[in-house]
Amino acid sequence: MKIKFLSIIASFFLASFVITSCLDNDKNNIEYSSDATIHAFELDTIGRGITYKFTIDQMKGEIYNEDSIPVHADTIVDRILIKKMATASGIITMKDKSGQDSIINLSDSFDLRKPVVFTVYAPDMQNKKTYKVDVRRHKHDPDSLLWTYIGKIQDEITGAQKTVRFKNGYYLYSVVNNTLKVYQSNDLKQWDGGKATTGITDGLPTSIIAFDEEKLLLASFANKVYESADGISWKESDKIKGSISTLVSLWEGPEGDRKLTYIKEENEEKYICEVAESFSEESEKKIKLPANFPTEDFSYTTIKKESNTYNIIVGKHFPSVAIDPETTTTIVWGYDGNIWTDLSPATNPVSYCPEFEHPVILHYNNQLYIWGDEFKSIYTSRNEGVSWSPANPKFAFPHQNKGEINTGKSLFEGRTNFSVIHDTEKDYIYVLFSTSNVAAAENNIDHRSQVWRGRLNSLWFLHSRR
């Protein structure tokens, strides 16, 4: 930038003062202002023509923007014009490369990637005030997921697992040495050593749901439903009768009423059933399993919209649903407490959801997201499951080489035997991994038991302001 030395300008002020005094010392006693404050500050527009408002803290001598500019704005503020920096006719200076005060020229651009110090000299040249201009930027891209490794479970867990939130804690189930064990945690970071469950000998359940704060329900591979009040001791339930292959979802209405949905087998036919929280036989309703309805490995999420609640459900199809001979798809279903709806028919060849092994679906930041085993891709839907597309590349699992564009493999890629917990209050996504046998020495990827936590940066900004 072009700047002039302060000493030269100051000499003009001094000369004008001397000349004026000599001309008429008695009649023209001029008093120059002692005001050395900046009254207004404005930068040129940033990004998409946005003007950011700046606060002037006169007590601290700081000028800053309360709303941070985008994370990648370095290439804008490294050469940006200061449109306005108003004073009471004072002189504004900054240090030049030699450390001398030099008067600034607002027609030149400034590098504001780091805080810059300006000094204002009042017209009387006796008073001055220093200001630090700090253009605040977001440190993280708001559209990216920020992942953090927070701990481990137990390395003895090597197989499939299921995790559920129950009584303000977390319960993870896995079969270890032919015994179904349960591991408990209050915060998903610290886990106990695990306890053997009692009352059930059918291996890992096909599904497990916390019906309320008092009871857990699970369906076993033996087509039985069990219940527990503590997550450790189980007994066969008398609330749901018949051959139940799997629990599907828990629907909670806006008035607090609950319905449990599940798949029942009768006379070699499969039915999708619902039962009210009273578990009375009269409240059970069933319909023949619709075509293209998944039959196992279910995942569901809930959308609350106005006065309605919807469960969005995915799972494993047997056989797979094919769009064409080379393309298989996941059919997404919706349930409003009464009716099941096929949301993404297999006839949709353009915006279909691909088939995932061990699918996980989340309603997150007003969108649906889905992924599965091996963590190779994430798909998203903005219209509640009707059409799907690959997620924004920034909405990704942690990578070995992080930057504006992720490079290298995801740290999760290739992994199986996991479970997911969605903390809807704080908008965290937790991924819990069993110890893996995947050979990854070439990439130096740790495949021991792990717990990772991720959150969209824009939601972090939202929570940090609460």
Protein backbone atom coordinates (compact mmCIF):
# COMPACT_ATOMS: atom_id res chain seq x y z
CA MET A 1 0.00 0.00 0.00
CA LYS A 2 1.11 3.60 -0.56
CA ILE A 3 1.73 5.41 2.70
CA LYS A 4 3.32 8.70 3.61
CA PHE A 5 5.64 9.32 6.50
CA LEU A 6 3.99 10.82 9.54
CA SER A 7 6.86 13.22 10.15
CA ILE A 8 6.24 15.00 6.84
CA ILE A 9 2.51 15.43 7.43
CA ALA A 10 3.05 16.46 11.01
CA SER A 11 5.39 19.22 9.83
CA PHE A 12 2.59 20.65 7.69
CA PHE A 13 0.29 20.73 10.72
CA LEU A 14 2.99 22.47 12.71
CA ALA A 15 3.75 24.96 9.94
CA SER A 16 0.09 25.88 9.52
CA PHE A 17 -0.19 26.40 13.25
CA VAL A 18 2.87 28.69 13.34
CA ILE A 19 1.76 30.75 10.33
CA THR A 20 -1.74 31.19 11.71
CA SER A 21 -0.37 32.26 15.06
CA CYS A 22 1.99 34.83 13.50
CA LEU A 23 -0.70 36.37 11.30
CA ASP A 24 -2.98 37.33 14.12
CA ASN A 25 -1.94 35.99 17.48
CA ASP A 26 -4.51 38.02 19.37
CA LYS A 27 -7.60 37.57 17.20
CA ASN A 28 -7.23 33.98 15.94
CA ASN A 29 -6.47 31.58 18.75
CA ILE A 30 -7.24 28.28 16.97
CA GLU A 31 -7.80 25.21 19.12
CA TYR A 32 -7.32 21.91 17.36
CA SER A 33 -9.48 18.94 18.36
CA SER A 34 -8.07 16.39 20.77
CA ASP A 35 -10.44 13.68 19.45
CA ALA A 36 -8.37 10.66 18.37
CA THR A 37 -11.21 8.15 18.03
CA ILE A 38 -12.46 6.15 15.07
CA HIS A 39 -16.21 6.68 14.70
CA ALA A 40 -17.02 4.32 11.82
CA PHE A 41 -15.40 1.33 10.14
CA GLU A 42 -16.48 -0.63 7.08
CA LEU A 43 -14.82 -3.13 4.75
CA ASP A 44 -15.53 -3.79 1.12
CA THR A 45 -18.03 -6.60 0.48
CA ILE A 46 -16.90 -10.19 1.12
CA GLY A 47 -17.92 -13.36 -0.66
CA ARG A 48 -21.33 -13.01 -2.29
CA GLY A 49 -21.51 -9.25 -1.92
CA ILE A 50 -22.01 -9.41 1.84
CA THR A 51 -21.23 -6.40 4.02
CA TYR A 52 -20.22 -7.41 7.53
CA LYS A 53 -20.99 -5.10 10.43
CA PHE A 54 -18.03 -4.12 12.64
CA THR A 55 -18.13 -3.22 16.31
CA ILE A 56 -15.86 -0.48 17.68
CA ASP A 57 -14.93 -1.01 21.32
CA GLN A 58 -13.60 2.39 22.36
CA MET A 59 -12.60 1.23 25.83
CA LYS A 60 -10.43 -1.64 24.60
CA GLY A 61 -9.41 -0.06 21.34
CA GLU A 62 -10.69 -3.01 19.31
CA ILE A 63 -12.58 -3.18 16.02
CA TYR A 64 -14.06 -6.56 15.07
CA ASN A 65 -16.93 -8.28 13.29
CA GLU A 66 -19.35 -10.19 15.52
CA ASP A 67 -20.49 -12.45 12.67
CA SER A 68 -17.44 -14.34 11.44
CA ILE A 69 -16.69 -14.40 7.73
CA PRO A 70 -16.42 -17.76 5.87
CA VAL A 71 -13.55 -20.08 6.66
CA HIS A 72 -12.06 -19.88 3.15
CA ALA A 73 -12.10 -16.05 2.94
CA ASP A 74 -8.31 -15.75 3.28
CA THR A 75 -8.03 -15.08 -0.44
CA ILE A 76 -10.43 -12.15 -0.03
CA VAL A 77 -9.15 -10.40 3.07
CA ASP A 78 -5.49 -10.68 2.10
CA ARG A 79 -6.10 -7.75 -0.27
CA ILE A 80 -9.24 -5.91 0.71
CA LEU A 81 -10.28 -2.27 0.71
CA ILE A 82 -11.28 -0.44 3.85
CA LYS A 83 -14.28 1.53 2.58
CA LYS A 84 -14.63 3.67 5.67
CA MET A 85 -12.50 4.51 8.71
CA ALA A 86 -13.89 7.82 9.91
CA THR A 87 -12.21 10.12 12.43
CA ALA A 88 -12.60 13.73 13.58
CA SER A 89 -10.10 14.95 10.95
CA GLY A 90 -7.33 13.00 12.61
CA ILE A 91 -4.44 11.21 10.98
CA ILE A 92 -4.49 7.38 10.82
CA THR A 93 -1.16 5.59 10.74
CA MET A 94 0.30 2.10 10.88
CA LYS A 95 3.79 0.73 11.14
CA ASP A 96 5.68 0.27 7.91
CA LYS A 97 8.25 -2.45 7.29
CA SER A 98 10.92 -0.41 9.05
CA GLY A 99 8.73 0.07 12.12
CA GLN A 100 7.99 3.76 11.52
CA ASP A 101 4.55 5.35 11.70
CA SER A 102 3.23 6.00 8.21
CA ILE A 103 -0.06 7.51 7.13
CA ILE A 104 -2.39 5.04 5.46
CA ASN A 105 -4.02 5.49 2.08
CA LEU A 106 -7.56 4.06 2.04
CA SER A 107 -7.50 3.76 -1.74
CA ASP A 108 -5.02 0.90 -1.37
CA SER A 109 -5.83 -2.62 -0.21
CA PHE A 110 -4.87 -4.13 3.14
CA ASP A 111 -3.90 -7.61 4.27
CA LEU A 112 -6.26 -8.35 7.16
CA ARG A 113 -5.63 -12.08 7.52
CA LYS A 114 -4.07 -11.23 10.88
CA PRO A 115 -5.01 -8.43 13.31
CA VAL A 116 -3.65 -5.05 12.22
CA VAL A 117 -2.86 -2.14 14.55
CA PHE A 118 -3.72 1.43 13.54
CA THR A 119 -2.89 4.61 15.46
CA VAL A 120 -5.06 7.72 15.23
CA TYR A 121 -3.44 11.11 15.92
CA ALA A 122 -5.82 13.89 16.90
CA PRO A 123 -5.63 17.19 14.97
CA ASP A 124 -3.83 18.76 17.94
CA MET A 125 -1.05 16.18 17.45
CA GLN A 126 -0.89 15.82 21.23
CA ASN A 127 -3.40 12.99 21.66
CA LYS A 128 -3.45 9.61 20.01
CA LYS A 129 -5.31 6.31 20.30
CA THR A 130 -4.39 2.82 19.11
CA TYR A 131 -6.89 0.36 17.60
CA LYS A 132 -6.53 -3.31 16.73
CA VAL A 133 -8.62 -4.38 13.74
CA ASP A 134 -9.44 -8.09 13.90
CA VAL A 135 -11.36 -9.63 11.00
CA ARG A 136 -12.76 -12.78 12.55
CA ARG A 137 -13.14 -15.89 10.41
CA HIS A 138 -14.69 -19.26 11.07
CA LYS A 139 -11.95 -21.76 11.86
CA HIS A 140 -13.92 -24.63 10.37
CA ASP A 141 -16.04 -25.01 7.27
CA PRO A 142 -19.68 -24.88 8.44
CA ASP A 143 -20.67 -27.53 5.89
CA SER A 144 -18.09 -30.08 7.08
CA LEU A 145 -18.33 -32.76 9.72
CA LEU A 146 -15.78 -32.39 12.50
CA TRP A 147 -14.79 -35.79 13.88
CA THR A 148 -13.04 -36.51 17.18
CA TYR A 149 -11.74 -39.78 18.57
CA ILE A 150 -13.08 -39.92 22.13
CA GLY A 151 -12.21 -43.37 23.45
CA LYS A 152 -12.64 -47.10 23.09
CA ILE A 153 -14.97 -49.82 24.29
CA GLN A 154 -13.13 -53.11 24.88
CA ASP A 155 -10.76 -54.80 22.44
CA GLU A 156 -12.34 -58.17 23.22
CA ILE A 157 -15.37 -57.06 21.20
CA THR A 158 -14.64 -58.33 17.70
CA GLY A 159 -18.04 -59.23 16.27
CA ALA A 160 -21.33 -57.57 15.49
CA GLN A 161 -22.78 -55.26 18.10
CA LYS A 162 -25.92 -53.36 18.98
CA THR A 163 -26.06 -50.22 21.13
CA VAL A 164 -29.06 -48.58 22.74
CA ARG A 165 -29.65 -45.59 24.99
CA PHE A 166 -31.49 -46.55 28.17
CA LYS A 167 -32.03 -44.82 31.53
CA ASN A 168 -29.64 -41.96 30.71
CA GLY A 169 -26.89 -44.45 29.89
CA TYR A 170 -25.70 -46.55 26.98
CA TYR A 171 -25.77 -50.33 26.64
CA LEU A 172 -23.71 -52.13 24.02
CA TYR A 173 -24.35 -55.83 23.33
CA SER A 174 -21.98 -58.25 21.61
CA VAL A 175 -21.18 -61.95 21.76
CA VAL A 176 -17.76 -62.61 23.29
CA ASN A 177 -16.54 -66.20 23.77
CA ASN A 178 -20.03 -67.52 22.99
CA THR A 179 -21.58 -65.34 25.70
CA LEU A 180 -23.85 -62.36 25.12
CA LYS A 181 -22.26 -59.55 27.11
CA VAL A 182 -23.41 -56.02 27.84
CA TYR A 183 -21.05 -53.06 28.24
CA GLN A 184 -22.26 -49.90 29.95
CA SER A 185 -21.28 -46.24 29.73
CA ASN A 186 -22.66 -42.93 30.92
CA ASP A 187 -21.00 -40.79 28.26
CA LEU A 188 -19.86 -43.15 25.46
CA LYS A 189 -16.23 -42.37 26.38
CA GLN A 190 -15.63 -44.59 29.39
CA TRP A 191 -16.94 -48.17 29.31
CA ASP A 192 -17.00 -50.88 31.92
CA GLY A 193 -15.47 -54.31 31.38
CA GLY A 194 -18.75 -55.93 30.43
CA LYS A 195 -21.12 -58.33 32.16
CA ALA A 196 -22.64 -61.59 30.98
CA THR A 197 -26.37 -61.31 30.38
CA THR A 198 -28.72 -63.82 31.95
CA GLY A 199 -31.98 -65.34 30.77
CA ILE A 200 -31.15 -65.36 27.07
CA THR A 201 -29.02 -67.87 25.19
CA ASP A 202 -29.87 -67.06 21.57
CA GLY A 203 -26.80 -64.99 20.72
CA LEU A 204 -26.88 -61.39 19.57
CA PRO A 205 -30.46 -60.14 19.25
CA THR A 206 -31.81 -59.26 15.83
CA SER A 207 -33.01 -55.96 17.27
CA ILE A 208 -33.23 -54.08 20.54
CA ILE A 209 -35.38 -51.07 21.47
CA ALA A 210 -35.75 -49.02 24.64
CA PHE A 211 -39.54 -48.91 24.85
CA ASP A 212 -39.50 -46.50 27.80
CA GLU A 213 -37.38 -45.68 30.85
CA GLU A 214 -38.41 -48.92 32.54
CA LYS A 215 -37.94 -51.65 29.98
CA LEU A 216 -35.78 -52.78 27.13
CA LEU A 217 -37.21 -55.10 24.50
CA LEU A 218 -35.28 -57.35 22.14
CA ALA A 219 -36.08 -59.92 19.50
CA SER A 220 -33.90 -63.00 19.29
CA PHE A 221 -32.89 -65.28 16.44
CA ALA A 222 -35.25 -67.83 17.98
CA ASN A 223 -38.17 -65.51 17.11
CA LYS A 224 -38.83 -64.65 20.73
CA VAL A 225 -39.22 -61.28 22.45
CA TYR A 226 -37.41 -60.66 25.73
CA GLU A 227 -37.63 -57.78 28.18
CA SER A 228 -35.35 -56.36 30.84
CA ALA A 229 -35.46 -53.63 33.46
CA ASP A 230 -31.69 -53.34 33.88
CA GLY A 231 -30.26 -54.47 30.54
CA ILE A 232 -28.52 -57.44 32.16
CA SER A 233 -31.20 -59.84 33.38
CA TRP A 234 -33.68 -60.86 30.70
CA LYS A 235 -36.89 -62.86 30.62
CA GLU A 236 -39.16 -63.93 27.82
CA SER A 237 -41.86 -61.30 27.42
CA ASP A 238 -45.55 -62.03 27.73
CA LYS A 239 -46.46 -58.70 26.16
CA ILE A 240 -46.00 -59.69 22.52
CA LYS A 241 -47.07 -63.17 21.56
CA GLY A 242 -46.24 -65.17 18.49
CA SER A 243 -43.19 -65.71 16.33
CA ILE A 244 -41.48 -62.31 16.19
CA SER A 245 -38.46 -62.26 13.88
CA THR A 246 -37.45 -58.66 14.56
CA LEU A 247 -38.54 -55.39 16.10
CA VAL A 248 -38.77 -52.59 13.52
CA SER A 249 -39.31 -49.26 15.28
CA LEU A 250 -40.85 -47.36 18.16
CA TRP A 251 -43.28 -44.66 17.06
CA GLU A 252 -44.01 -41.86 19.52
CA GLY A 253 -46.93 -39.60 18.71
CA PRO A 254 -47.20 -35.87 19.43
CA GLU A 255 -49.48 -36.62 22.39
CA GLY A 256 -46.98 -39.03 23.95
CA ASP A 257 -48.67 -42.23 22.81
CA ARG A 258 -46.40 -45.05 21.66
CA LYS A 259 -46.63 -47.89 19.19
CA LEU A 260 -44.16 -50.70 18.72
CA THR A 261 -43.81 -52.13 15.22
CA TYR A 262 -42.39 -55.58 14.44
CA ILE A 263 -42.46 -58.44 11.95
CA LYS A 264 -44.46 -61.51 12.89
CA GLU A 265 -44.53 -64.86 11.14
CA GLU A 266 -47.78 -66.84 11.01
CA ASN A 267 -48.55 -69.85 8.83
CA GLU A 268 -45.43 -69.24 6.74
CA GLU A 269 -46.52 -65.65 6.04
CA LYS A 270 -44.83 -62.47 7.23
CA TYR A 271 -46.78 -59.54 8.66
CA ILE A 272 -45.82 -56.05 9.69
CA CYS A 273 -47.54 -55.42 13.01
CA GLU A 274 -48.12 -52.58 15.43
CA VAL A 275 -49.20 -52.67 19.05
CA ALA A 276 -50.12 -49.88 21.44
CA GLU A 277 -48.20 -49.32 24.66
CA SER A 278 -50.87 -51.23 26.57
CA PHE A 279 -49.68 -54.34 24.69
CA SER A 280 -53.26 -55.61 24.65
CA GLU A 281 -54.11 -58.19 22.02
CA GLU A 282 -56.97 -55.95 20.89
CA SER A 283 -54.55 -53.12 20.08
CA GLU A 284 -52.41 -55.26 17.78
CA LYS A 285 -52.91 -54.56 14.09
CA LYS A 286 -51.22 -56.41 11.28
CA ILE A 287 -51.00 -56.33 7.50
CA LYS A 288 -49.31 -58.71 5.14
CA LEU A 289 -45.73 -57.64 4.56
CA PRO A 290 -45.78 -55.34 1.50
CA ALA A 291 -43.65 -56.05 -1.53
CA ASN A 292 -40.14 -54.60 -1.25
CA PHE A 293 -40.42 -54.21 2.52
CA PRO A 294 -37.12 -55.03 4.30
CA THR A 295 -37.08 -58.08 6.53
CA GLU A 296 -34.07 -57.67 8.84
CA ASP A 297 -31.21 -55.44 9.99
CA PHE A 298 -33.50 -52.44 10.48
CA SER A 299 -32.52 -48.87 11.16
CA TYR A 300 -34.97 -46.05 11.68
CA THR A 301 -35.06 -42.36 12.42
CA THR A 302 -37.83 -39.95 13.34
CA ILE A 303 -39.03 -36.77 11.65
CA LYS A 304 -41.25 -34.42 13.64
CA LYS A 305 -43.14 -32.08 11.37
CA GLU A 306 -45.79 -29.69 12.65
CA SER A 307 -48.28 -31.90 14.53
CA ASN A 308 -47.18 -35.17 12.94
CA THR A 309 -44.45 -37.70 13.65
CA TYR A 310 -42.97 -39.99 11.02
CA ASN A 311 -40.61 -42.91 11.33
CA ILE A 312 -38.34 -43.39 8.31
CA ILE A 313 -37.17 -46.99 8.03
CA VAL A 314 -34.56 -48.92 6.05
CA GLY A 315 -33.25 -52.45 6.30
CA LYS A 316 -32.00 -55.48 4.43
CA HIS A 317 -34.11 -56.79 1.55
CA PHE A 318 -34.24 -60.47 0.77
CA PRO A 319 -33.90 -60.88 -2.09
CA SER A 320 -32.26 -57.60 -3.07
CA VAL A 321 -34.42 -55.11 -4.95
CA ALA A 322 -32.99 -54.50 -8.42
CA ILE A 323 -33.51 -51.50 -10.67
CA ASP A 324 -31.68 -53.27 -13.49
CA PRO A 325 -29.47 -56.38 -13.68
CA GLU A 326 -26.47 -54.43 -12.34
CA THR A 327 -28.09 -52.06 -9.84
CA THR A 328 -29.67 -52.85 -6.48
CA THR A 329 -31.42 -50.31 -4.28
CA THR A 330 -32.57 -49.62 -0.75
CA ILE A 331 -36.31 -49.03 -0.49
CA VAL A 332 -37.09 -46.43 2.15
CA TRP A 333 -40.38 -46.70 4.04
CA GLY A 334 -42.34 -44.21 6.11
CA TYR A 335 -44.75 -44.82 8.99
CA ASP A 336 -47.04 -42.15 10.44
CA GLY A 337 -48.50 -44.22 13.27
CA ASN A 338 -51.14 -45.81 11.06
CA ILE A 339 -50.01 -46.28 7.46
CA TRP A 340 -46.85 -47.64 5.85
CA THR A 341 -45.70 -45.84 2.70
CA ASP A 342 -43.11 -46.82 0.11
CA LEU A 343 -41.14 -43.56 -0.20
CA SER A 344 -38.59 -44.47 -2.86
CA PRO A 345 -40.04 -46.97 -5.33
CA ALA A 346 -37.69 -49.21 -7.26
CA THR A 347 -38.98 -47.71 -10.50
CA ASN A 348 -36.92 -44.56 -9.81
CA PRO A 349 -33.76 -45.12 -11.91
CA VAL A 350 -32.20 -41.68 -11.38
CA SER A 351 -32.41 -40.58 -7.76
CA TYR A 352 -32.53 -43.97 -6.07
CA CYS A 353 -30.84 -44.93 -2.81
CA PRO A 354 -28.23 -47.66 -3.41
CA GLU A 355 -28.27 -50.88 -1.44
CA PHE A 356 -26.20 -50.84 1.76
CA GLU A 357 -25.18 -53.71 3.99
CA HIS A 358 -26.07 -52.96 7.61
CA PRO A 359 -27.70 -49.63 6.68
CA VAL A 360 -27.88 -46.72 9.12
CA ILE A 361 -30.31 -43.86 8.57
CA LEU A 362 -30.34 -40.53 10.42
CA HIS A 363 -32.47 -37.41 10.27
CA TYR A 364 -29.80 -34.78 10.73
CA ASN A 365 -29.81 -31.04 10.07
CA ASN A 366 -33.22 -31.35 8.36
CA GLN A 367 -31.97 -33.96 5.91
CA LEU A 368 -31.86 -37.74 5.79
CA TYR A 369 -28.48 -39.46 5.59
CA ILE A 370 -27.73 -43.12 5.00
CA TRP A 371 -24.58 -45.26 4.87
CA GLY A 372 -23.57 -48.82 5.64
CA ASP A 373 -20.78 -51.34 6.06
CA GLU A 374 -17.32 -50.32 4.85
CA PHE A 375 -18.20 -46.59 4.96
CA LYS A 376 -17.50 -46.01 1.29
CA SER A 377 -20.23 -43.47 0.66
CA ILE A 378 -22.98 -41.38 2.24
CA TYR A 379 -26.26 -40.60 0.51
CA THR A 380 -28.73 -37.90 1.44
CA SER A 381 -32.35 -36.96 0.83
CA ARG A 382 -33.79 -33.46 1.17
CA ASN A 383 -37.39 -34.52 0.59
CA GLU A 384 -37.90 -37.03 3.39
CA GLY A 385 -36.71 -40.11 1.55
CA VAL A 386 -38.33 -39.75 -1.86
CA SER A 387 -35.18 -39.02 -3.88
CA TRP A 388 -31.52 -39.54 -3.03
CA SER A 389 -28.11 -38.30 -4.13
CA PRO A 390 -24.51 -38.51 -2.90
CA ALA A 391 -23.96 -36.27 0.11
CA ASN A 392 -21.89 -33.10 -0.06
CA PRO A 393 -18.22 -34.26 -0.10
CA LYS A 394 -17.66 -32.11 2.99
CA PHE A 395 -20.20 -34.23 4.89
CA ALA A 396 -17.77 -37.10 5.17
CA PHE A 397 -16.09 -39.49 7.53
CA PRO A 398 -12.65 -38.49 8.89
CA HIS A 399 -9.82 -38.74 6.38
CA GLN A 400 -6.12 -39.39 6.73
CA ASN A 401 -5.29 -36.16 4.94
CA LYS A 402 -7.61 -33.38 6.01
CA GLY A 403 -7.95 -30.05 4.27
CA GLU A 404 -10.37 -28.08 2.17
CA ILE A 405 -10.72 -31.26 0.10
CA ASN A 406 -10.35 -34.63 1.82
CA THR A 407 -7.71 -36.83 0.25
CA GLY A 408 -6.68 -40.38 0.91
CA LYS A 409 -8.92 -43.04 2.38
CA SER A 410 -11.43 -42.45 5.11
CA LEU A 411 -10.27 -43.67 8.51
CA PHE A 412 -13.51 -45.67 8.61
CA GLU A 413 -13.30 -47.20 5.16
CA GLY A 414 -13.49 -50.98 5.11
CA ARG A 415 -14.77 -51.29 8.65
CA THR A 416 -17.76 -53.37 9.67
CA ASN A 417 -19.22 -54.41 13.04
CA PHE A 418 -20.28 -51.01 14.25
CA SER A 419 -23.24 -49.23 15.78
CA VAL A 420 -24.38 -45.62 15.73
CA ILE A 421 -25.91 -43.38 18.38
CA HIS A 422 -27.47 -40.05 17.41
CA ASP A 423 -27.51 -37.48 20.21
CA THR A 424 -30.42 -35.35 19.03
CA GLU A 425 -30.00 -32.82 21.84
CA LYS A 426 -26.40 -31.84 21.01
CA ASP A 427 -26.42 -32.97 17.36
CA TYR A 428 -23.55 -35.43 17.79
CA ILE A 429 -23.17 -38.60 15.74
CA TYR A 430 -21.36 -41.37 17.61
CA VAL A 431 -19.86 -44.34 15.77
CA LEU A 432 -18.75 -47.29 17.89
CA PHE A 433 -16.42 -49.86 16.32
CA SER A 434 -15.60 -53.40 17.35
CA THR A 435 -11.99 -54.50 16.99
CA SER A 436 -11.48 -55.33 13.33
CA ASN A 437 -9.39 -57.94 11.57
CA VAL A 438 -9.02 -55.79 8.47
CA ALA A 439 -5.39 -55.61 7.40
CA ALA A 440 -4.57 -51.93 7.09
CA ALA A 441 -0.89 -51.75 7.94
CA GLU A 442 -0.11 -50.04 4.63
CA ASN A 443 -2.25 -47.08 5.62
CA ASN A 444 -1.37 -47.10 9.33
CA ILE A 445 -5.07 -47.14 10.22
CA ASP A 446 -5.96 -48.24 13.74
CA HIS A 447 -8.66 -50.92 13.67
CA ARG A 448 -8.97 -51.59 17.36
CA SER A 449 -12.12 -50.91 19.33
CA GLN A 450 -12.90 -47.21 18.94
CA VAL A 451 -15.53 -44.55 19.59
CA TRP A 452 -15.71 -41.51 17.32
CA ARG A 453 -17.90 -38.44 17.62
CA GLY A 454 -18.86 -36.15 14.74
CA ARG A 455 -20.89 -32.99 14.35
CA LEU A 456 -21.61 -30.59 11.53
CA ASN A 457 -19.64 -27.41 12.12
CA SER A 458 -22.63 -25.17 11.47
CA LEU A 459 -24.45 -26.95 14.30
CA TRP A 460 -21.40 -26.46 16.53
CA PHE A 461 -21.69 -22.72 15.87
CA LEU A 462 -25.37 -22.89 16.81
CA HIS A 463 -24.73 -24.71 20.10
CA SER A 464 -21.78 -22.46 21.02
CA ARG A 465 -24.07 -19.42 20.98
CA ARG A 466 -26.67 -20.93 23.29
